[in-house]
Amino acid sequence: MKKEIQAYLDYIIANYQQWQNMCNAMTSDEVAKRIRDQMFEEFKQGLEVQEGSKYIKIIQNRSVHSFIVKKDNGKFKTGDILKAASWAAPAKNFKRGNILTGDFGTTSWTGA
């Protein structure tokens, strides 16, 4: 599942960059561009993965971005993306996508 997690992280980074590109189109100021470039690097460096017993937690700058289900558990399948309900637990109402199928659903750089 490491390859799929990396693809998910790459998707999150690309989504952030797409958002930034829309902002870049609004100004040609070099100072603003340098600041956005720095913010992009900080965003990439701020992404991390923590593996727990039931879920894989995706963290972005000390905030939970999303959870990924490690094993089928009745309601959810392996690879399902869940929104964070808190630092330690996902929202268990419905999945937002699945990394194993490459369907990242409604997730964006802001979260699941």
C-alpha atoms as a PDB file:
ATOM      1  CA  MET A   1       0.000   0.000   0.000  1.00  0.00           C
ATOM      2  CA  LYS A   2       3.056   2.300   0.139  1.00  0.00           C
ATOM      3  CA  LYS A   3       2.817   3.075  -3.567  1.00  0.00           C
ATOM      4  CA  GLU A   4      -0.861   4.029  -3.234  1.00  0.00           C
ATOM      5  CA  ILE A   5      -0.169   6.230  -0.195  1.00  0.00           C
ATOM      6  CA  GLN A   6       2.543   8.031  -2.141  1.00  0.00           C
ATOM      7  CA  ALA A   7       0.120   8.518  -5.053  1.00  0.00           C
ATOM      8  CA  TYR A   8      -2.385  10.010  -2.580  1.00  0.00           C
ATOM      9  CA  LEU A   9       0.262  12.378  -1.171  1.00  0.00           C
ATOM     10  CA  ASP A  10       1.240  13.364  -4.729  1.00  0.00           C
ATOM     11  CA  TYR A  11      -2.435  14.081  -5.467  1.00  0.00           C
ATOM     12  CA  ILE A  12      -2.717  16.311  -2.377  1.00  0.00           C
ATOM     13  CA  ILE A  13       0.449  18.203  -3.371  1.00  0.00           C
ATOM     14  CA  ALA A  14      -0.739  18.616  -6.973  1.00  0.00           C
ATOM     15  CA  ASN A  15      -4.116  19.869  -5.753  1.00  0.00           C
ATOM     16  CA  TYR A  16      -2.393  22.472  -3.578  1.00  0.00           C
ATOM     17  CA  GLN A  17      -0.203  23.528  -6.497  1.00  0.00           C
ATOM     18  CA  GLN A  18      -3.264  23.836  -8.756  1.00  0.00           C
ATOM     19  CA  TRP A  19      -4.881  26.117  -6.180  1.00  0.00           C
ATOM     20  CA  GLN A  20      -1.692  28.164  -5.985  1.00  0.00           C
ATOM     21  CA  ASN A  21      -1.516  28.466  -9.775  1.00  0.00           C
ATOM     22  CA  MET A  22      -4.960  30.055  -9.767  1.00  0.00           C
ATOM     23  CA  CYS A  23      -3.651  32.565  -7.227  1.00  0.00           C
ATOM     24  CA  ASN A  24      -0.491  33.150  -9.308  1.00  0.00           C
ATOM     25  CA  ALA A  25      -2.616  34.083 -12.312  1.00  0.00           C
ATOM     26  CA  MET A  26      -4.043  36.994 -10.314  1.00  0.00           C
ATOM     27  CA  THR A  27      -0.701  38.750  -9.781  1.00  0.00           C
ATOM     28  CA  SER A  28       2.700  38.960 -11.396  1.00  0.00           C
ATOM     29  CA  ASP A  29       4.375  40.440  -8.320  1.00  0.00           C
ATOM     30  CA  GLU A  30       7.768  38.746  -7.824  1.00  0.00           C
ATOM     31  CA  VAL A  31       7.660  39.077  -4.032  1.00  0.00           C
ATOM     32  CA  ALA A  32       4.261  37.365  -3.921  1.00  0.00           C
ATOM     33  CA  LYS A  33       5.580  34.613  -6.210  1.00  0.00           C
ATOM     34  CA  ARG A  34       8.572  33.963  -3.933  1.00  0.00           C
ATOM     35  CA  ILE A  35       6.264  33.799  -0.919  1.00  0.00           C
ATOM     36  CA  ARG A  36       3.967  31.330  -2.700  1.00  0.00           C
ATOM     37  CA  ASP A  37       6.976  29.203  -3.703  1.00  0.00           C
ATOM     38  CA  GLN A  38       8.097  29.146  -0.078  1.00  0.00           C
ATOM     39  CA  MET A  39       4.568  28.241   1.054  1.00  0.00           C
ATOM     40  CA  PHE A  40       4.489  25.392  -1.480  1.00  0.00           C
ATOM     41  CA  GLU A  41       7.748  23.954  -0.142  1.00  0.00           C
ATOM     42  CA  GLU A  42       6.500  24.256   3.440  1.00  0.00           C
ATOM     43  CA  PHE A  43       3.265  22.513   2.463  1.00  0.00           C
ATOM     44  CA  LYS A  44       5.169  19.598   0.875  1.00  0.00           C
ATOM     45  CA  GLN A  45       7.541  19.307   3.821  1.00  0.00           C
ATOM     46  CA  GLY A  46       4.616  19.423   6.273  1.00  0.00           C
ATOM     47  CA  LEU A  47       2.988  16.247   4.920  1.00  0.00           C
ATOM     48  CA  GLU A  48       3.676  13.122   6.961  1.00  0.00           C
ATOM     49  CA  VAL A  49       2.284   9.644   7.436  1.00  0.00           C
ATOM     50  CA  GLN A  50       1.715   7.960  10.816  1.00  0.00           C
ATOM     51  CA  GLU A  51       0.677   4.336  10.965  1.00  0.00           C
ATOM     52  CA  GLY A  52      -1.619   3.178  13.745  1.00  0.00           C
ATOM     53  CA  SER A  53      -3.204  -0.187  14.440  1.00  0.00           C
ATOM     54  CA  LYS A  54      -6.431   0.452  12.461  1.00  0.00           C
ATOM     55  CA  TYR A  55      -5.721   3.551  10.390  1.00  0.00           C
ATOM     56  CA  ILE A  56      -2.967   5.394   8.606  1.00  0.00           C
ATOM     57  CA  LYS A  57      -3.066   9.057   9.559  1.00  0.00           C
ATOM     58  CA  ILE A  58      -2.113  11.700   6.994  1.00  0.00           C
ATOM     59  CA  ILE A  59      -0.857  14.822   8.744  1.00  0.00           C
ATOM     60  CA  GLN A  60      -0.297  18.240   7.227  1.00  0.00           C
ATOM     61  CA  ASN A  61       1.557  20.778   9.383  1.00  0.00           C
ATOM     62  CA  ARG A  62       0.490  19.276  12.717  1.00  0.00           C
ATOM     63  CA  SER A  63      -3.167  18.883  11.661  1.00  0.00           C
ATOM     64  CA  VAL A  64      -4.880  15.681  10.567  1.00  0.00           C
ATOM     65  CA  HIS A  65      -5.650  15.786   6.862  1.00  0.00           C
ATOM     66  CA  SER A  66      -7.342  12.366   6.620  1.00  0.00           C
ATOM     67  CA  PHE A  67      -7.290   8.740   7.699  1.00  0.00           C
ATOM     68  CA  ILE A  68      -6.847   5.641   5.556  1.00  0.00           C
ATOM     69  CA  VAL A  69      -8.379   2.313   6.615  1.00  0.00           C
ATOM     70  CA  LYS A  70      -5.718  -0.408   6.988  1.00  0.00           C
ATOM     71  CA  LYS A  71      -7.991  -3.508   6.967  1.00  0.00           C
ATOM     72  CA  ASP A  72     -11.584  -4.276   6.005  1.00  0.00           C
ATOM     73  CA  ASN A  73     -13.737  -3.790   9.100  1.00  0.00           C
ATOM     74  CA  GLY A  74     -17.332  -4.392   8.057  1.00  0.00           C
ATOM     75  CA  LYS A  75     -18.380  -0.874   7.080  1.00  0.00           C
ATOM     76  CA  PHE A  76     -15.155   0.200   5.384  1.00  0.00           C
ATOM     77  CA  LYS A  77     -12.742  -1.487   2.988  1.00  0.00           C
ATOM     78  CA  THR A  78      -8.953  -1.405   2.992  1.00  0.00           C
ATOM     79  CA  GLY A  79      -7.742   1.866   1.477  1.00  0.00           C
ATOM     80  CA  ASP A  80     -10.896   3.878   2.164  1.00  0.00           C
ATOM     81  CA  ILE A  81     -10.216   7.563   2.853  1.00  0.00           C
ATOM     82  CA  LEU A  82     -11.993   8.976   5.895  1.00  0.00           C
ATOM     83  CA  LYS A  83     -12.350  12.540   7.106  1.00  0.00           C
ATOM     84  CA  ALA A  84     -10.821  13.382  10.482  1.00  0.00           C
ATOM     85  CA  ALA A  85     -13.256  13.779  13.374  1.00  0.00           C
ATOM     86  CA  SER A  86     -10.429  14.563  15.789  1.00  0.00           C
ATOM     87  CA  TRP A  87      -6.683  14.134  16.102  1.00  0.00           C
ATOM     88  CA  ALA A  88      -7.096  10.484  17.081  1.00  0.00           C
ATOM     89  CA  ALA A  89     -10.227   9.316  15.246  1.00  0.00           C
ATOM     90  CA  PRO A  90     -11.832   9.462  11.805  1.00  0.00           C
ATOM     91  CA  ALA A  91     -15.416  10.394  11.003  1.00  0.00           C
ATOM     92  CA  LYS A  92     -17.140   7.075  10.383  1.00  0.00           C
ATOM     93  CA  ASN A  93     -20.199   8.309   8.489  1.00  0.00           C
ATOM     94  CA  PHE A  94     -18.981   7.525   4.935  1.00  0.00           C
ATOM     95  CA  LYS A  95     -15.799   7.140   2.908  1.00  0.00           C
ATOM     96  CA  ARG A  96     -14.422  10.007   0.832  1.00  0.00           C
ATOM     97  CA  GLY A  97     -12.564   7.805  -1.665  1.00  0.00           C
ATOM     98  CA  ASN A  98     -10.209   4.825  -1.812  1.00  0.00           C
ATOM     99  CA  ILE A  99      -6.475   4.956  -2.456  1.00  0.00           C
ATOM    100  CA  LEU A 100      -6.312   1.372  -3.760  1.00  0.00           C
ATOM    101  CA  THR A 101      -8.682   2.182  -6.624  1.00  0.00           C
ATOM    102  CA  GLY A 102      -7.090   5.584  -7.274  1.00  0.00           C
ATOM    103  CA  ASP A 103     -10.416   7.279  -6.521  1.00  0.00           C
ATOM    104  CA  PHE A 104      -9.590  10.200  -4.254  1.00  0.00           C
ATOM    105  CA  GLY A 105     -13.213  11.321  -4.343  1.00  0.00           C
ATOM    106  CA  THR A 106     -13.905  14.655  -2.693  1.00  0.00           C
ATOM    107  CA  THR A 107     -10.483  15.029  -1.070  1.00  0.00           C
ATOM    108  CA  SER A 108      -8.414  18.132  -1.727  1.00  0.00           C
ATOM    109  CA  TRP A 109      -5.359  19.760  -0.206  1.00  0.00           C
ATOM    110  CA  THR A 110      -7.569  21.076   2.598  1.00  0.00           C
ATOM    111  CA  GLY A 111      -8.671  17.608   3.736  1.00  0.00           C
ATOM    112  CA  ALA A 112     -11.057  14.784   3.105  1.00  0.00           C
END
